[in-house]
């Protein structure tokens, strides 16, 4: 990973640096990947992203590789199985919220042709570059995350407050918040 200058938040270890260098802020237009980030962000609410990232492979296994068609069918047996899985965050509300969000995700797909069409519609299909000089200049929310959060909630999504939505926008490259000296900005 060399001696690249990165956003300071990711310098904890190689897992974080790898995520920063290869995923964070890269525009994601595939529904499968947008869904994965939506599930992970849902579980992140109130926790650190690092905690979720360390458990990401466990989440993949526990949630059928983020196959939303399967997750939409989850019932009591799957919820109980997930509640017993020490490899993930065992929060019943978040587990049930994920199933609820999966159904809402698929409804939104139907309405817009894809979830990508829907979510990227909030930024006219292209990333917003905030050009932050330092981490202090990176917001936790913005007007778009406020509007998107409100709309997602209207569609029945859970755990999609503006901060969670903004984090999703950062992760999926809807906003570019790499700081000025970061190699990814250049």
Protein backbone atom coordinates (compact mmCIF):
# COMPACT_ATOMS: atom_id res chain seq x y z
CA UNK A 1 0.00 0.00 0.00
CA UNK A 2 3.11 2.18 -0.08
CA UNK A 3 3.67 5.58 1.45
CA UNK A 4 0.64 7.27 -0.02
CA UNK A 5 -0.93 10.22 1.75
CA UNK A 6 -4.49 9.27 2.65
CA UNK A 7 -7.47 10.66 4.48
CA UNK A 8 -6.39 10.49 8.15
CA UNK A 9 -9.44 8.49 9.28
CA UNK A 10 -8.23 5.35 7.49
CA UNK A 11 -4.71 5.09 8.91
CA UNK A 12 -5.73 2.68 11.71
CA UNK A 13 -4.60 -0.49 9.88
CA UNK A 14 -4.41 -2.28 6.52
CA UNK A 15 -8.11 -3.25 6.55
CA UNK A 16 -9.09 0.42 6.74
CA UNK A 17 -6.40 1.57 4.26
CA UNK A 18 -7.47 -1.11 1.77
CA UNK A 19 -11.12 -0.07 2.11
CA UNK A 20 -10.17 3.59 1.63
CA UNK A 21 -7.90 2.91 -1.34
CA UNK A 22 -10.16 0.47 -3.20
CA UNK A 23 -13.76 1.26 -2.29
CA UNK A 24 -14.57 4.39 -0.30
CA UNK A 25 -15.70 7.18 -2.56
CA UNK A 26 -15.65 5.11 -5.76
CA UNK A 27 -18.97 5.62 -7.58
CA UNK A 28 -21.16 2.51 -7.27
CA UNK A 29 -23.99 2.07 -9.77
CA UNK A 30 -24.68 -1.67 -9.33
CA UNK A 31 -27.78 -2.47 -7.28
CA UNK A 32 -26.12 -5.49 -5.62
CA UNK A 33 -23.28 -3.36 -4.26
CA UNK A 34 -25.57 -0.46 -3.30
CA UNK A 35 -27.69 -2.98 -1.39
CA UNK A 36 -24.67 -4.41 0.44
CA UNK A 37 -23.63 -0.94 1.58
CA UNK A 38 -27.21 -0.18 2.62
CA UNK A 39 -27.30 -3.29 4.84
CA UNK A 40 -23.90 -2.55 6.33
CA UNK A 41 -24.74 1.13 6.96
CA UNK A 42 -27.98 0.03 8.65
CA UNK A 43 -25.99 -2.07 11.10
CA UNK A 44 -23.44 0.69 11.54
CA UNK A 45 -26.01 3.12 13.00
CA UNK A 46 -24.67 4.01 16.45
CA UNK A 47 -21.43 2.04 15.93
CA UNK A 48 -18.12 2.67 14.17
CA UNK A 49 -17.71 1.80 10.50
CA UNK A 50 -14.53 -0.03 11.48
CA UNK A 51 -16.57 -2.44 13.64
CA UNK A 52 -18.77 -3.23 10.63
CA UNK A 53 -15.85 -3.53 8.23
CA UNK A 54 -14.16 -6.11 10.49
CA UNK A 55 -17.37 -8.18 10.44
CA UNK A 56 -18.15 -7.65 6.74
CA UNK A 57 -17.31 -11.22 5.67
CA UNK A 58 -19.44 -12.56 8.52
CA UNK A 59 -22.32 -10.35 7.34
CA UNK A 60 -21.87 -11.70 3.80
CA UNK A 61 -22.16 -15.29 5.04
CA UNK A 62 -25.01 -14.57 7.46
CA UNK A 63 -27.06 -12.66 4.85
CA UNK A 64 -26.72 -15.04 1.89
CA UNK A 65 -24.01 -12.95 0.18
CA UNK A 66 -26.44 -9.98 0.36
CA UNK A 67 -28.84 -11.69 -2.02
CA UNK A 68 -31.85 -9.40 -1.56
CA UNK A 69 -34.26 -11.84 -3.21
CA UNK A 70 -33.44 -14.38 -0.48
CA UNK A 71 -33.37 -11.84 2.36
CA UNK A 72 -36.84 -10.57 1.37
CA UNK A 73 -38.12 -14.07 2.19
CA UNK A 74 -36.57 -14.23 5.67
CA UNK A 75 -38.95 -15.17 8.45
CA UNK A 76 -38.73 -16.07 12.13
CA UNK A 77 -36.27 -18.96 11.63
CA UNK A 78 -33.76 -16.74 9.80
CA UNK A 79 -34.19 -13.94 12.34
CA UNK A 80 -33.49 -16.43 15.15
CA UNK A 81 -30.46 -17.81 13.27
CA UNK A 82 -29.09 -14.27 12.82
CA UNK A 83 -29.72 -13.43 16.49
CA UNK A 84 -27.50 -16.42 17.41
CA UNK A 85 -24.70 -15.43 15.00
CA UNK A 86 -21.86 -13.93 17.07
CA UNK A 87 -20.08 -12.92 13.86
CA UNK A 88 -22.52 -10.08 13.17
CA UNK A 89 -24.21 -7.35 15.22
CA UNK A 90 -27.02 -9.20 17.00
CA UNK A 91 -29.57 -6.44 17.16
CA UNK A 92 -33.13 -7.65 16.56
CA UNK A 93 -34.39 -4.26 15.41
CA UNK A 94 -31.58 -3.93 12.87
CA UNK A 95 -32.06 -7.50 11.64
CA UNK A 96 -35.80 -6.95 11.18
CA UNK A 97 -35.06 -3.51 9.73
CA UNK A 98 -32.80 -5.14 7.14
CA UNK A 99 -35.65 -7.41 6.00
CA UNK A 100 -38.02 -4.42 5.88
CA UNK A 101 -35.40 -2.42 3.94
CA UNK A 102 -34.90 -5.30 1.51
CA UNK A 103 -38.58 -5.31 0.61
CA UNK A 104 -38.59 -1.51 0.27
CA UNK A 105 -35.40 -1.75 -1.83
CA UNK A 106 -37.10 -4.16 -4.24
CA UNK A 107 -40.24 -1.99 -4.43
CA UNK A 108 -38.04 1.01 -5.24
CA UNK A 109 -36.23 -1.04 -7.91
CA UNK A 110 -39.57 -1.87 -9.52
CA UNK A 111 -40.66 1.75 -9.51
CA UNK A 112 -37.44 3.22 -10.94
CA UNK A 113 -36.09 0.32 -13.01
CA UNK A 114 -33.19 -0.01 -10.57
CA UNK A 115 -32.29 1.21 -7.10
CA UNK A 116 -29.31 2.91 -8.71
CA UNK A 117 -31.60 5.05 -10.90
CA UNK A 118 -33.51 6.07 -7.78
CA UNK A 119 -30.63 6.91 -5.47
CA UNK A 120 -28.38 8.55 -8.07
CA UNK A 121 -31.35 10.68 -9.13
CA UNK A 122 -30.68 12.73 -5.99
CA UNK A 123 -27.30 13.85 -7.44
CA UNK A 124 -28.30 13.94 -11.13
CA UNK A 125 -26.37 10.72 -11.69
CA UNK A 126 -22.93 12.07 -10.85
CA UNK A 127 -20.77 12.42 -7.75
CA UNK A 128 -20.73 15.68 -5.83
CA UNK A 129 -17.21 16.85 -5.08
CA UNK A 130 -17.04 18.66 -1.75
CA UNK A 131 -13.32 19.43 -2.11
CA UNK A 132 -12.63 19.22 1.63
CA UNK A 133 -9.23 20.57 2.66
CA UNK A 134 -9.15 18.63 5.95
CA UNK A 135 -11.35 16.15 7.83
CA UNK A 136 -12.90 19.12 9.68
CA UNK A 137 -14.39 20.24 6.35
CA UNK A 138 -16.19 16.93 5.79
CA UNK A 139 -19.85 17.20 6.79
CA UNK A 140 -21.83 14.50 8.60
CA UNK A 141 -24.98 15.37 6.61
CA UNK A 142 -26.04 17.68 3.79
CA UNK A 143 -29.26 18.83 2.12
CA UNK A 144 -29.25 15.81 -0.19
CA UNK A 145 -28.81 13.28 2.63
CA UNK A 146 -31.63 15.07 4.48
CA UNK A 147 -33.94 14.80 1.45
CA UNK A 148 -32.90 11.23 0.62
CA UNK A 149 -33.34 10.13 4.25
CA UNK A 150 -36.83 11.63 4.32
CA UNK A 151 -37.77 9.95 1.04
CA UNK A 152 -36.37 6.55 2.10
CA UNK A 153 -38.38 6.73 5.32
CA UNK A 154 -41.52 7.53 3.30
CA UNK A 155 -40.81 4.38 1.29
CA UNK A 156 -40.68 2.32 4.50
CA UNK A 157 -36.91 2.07 5.05
CA UNK A 158 -35.61 1.86 8.64
CA UNK A 159 -32.34 3.10 10.18
CA UNK A 160 -31.86 5.64 7.39
CA UNK A 161 -31.34 8.88 9.27
CA UNK A 162 -29.48 11.63 7.44
CA UNK A 163 -26.09 10.71 9.00
CA UNK A 164 -26.42 7.04 7.95
CA UNK A 165 -27.53 8.13 4.47
CA UNK A 166 -24.61 10.55 4.15
CA UNK A 167 -22.19 7.78 5.15
CA UNK A 168 -23.80 5.61 2.45
CA UNK A 169 -23.33 8.43 -0.07
CA UNK A 170 -19.64 8.67 0.88
CA UNK A 171 -19.09 4.91 0.71
CA UNK A 172 -20.75 4.61 -2.70
CA UNK A 173 -19.09 7.66 -4.22
CA UNK A 174 -22.20 9.83 -4.47
CA UNK A 175 -20.06 12.42 -2.70
CA UNK A 176 -16.28 12.72 -2.91
CA UNK A 177 -14.98 13.61 0.54
CA UNK A 178 -11.33 12.64 0.04
CA UNK A 179 -9.30 15.45 1.59
CA UNK A 180 -7.05 17.72 -0.45
CA UNK A 181 -3.73 15.92 0.20
CA UNK A 182 -5.20 12.41 -0.27
CA UNK A 183 -3.81 10.48 -3.23
CA UNK A 184 -7.37 9.47 -4.20
CA UNK A 185 -8.26 13.13 -4.77
CA UNK A 186 -5.36 13.49 -7.21
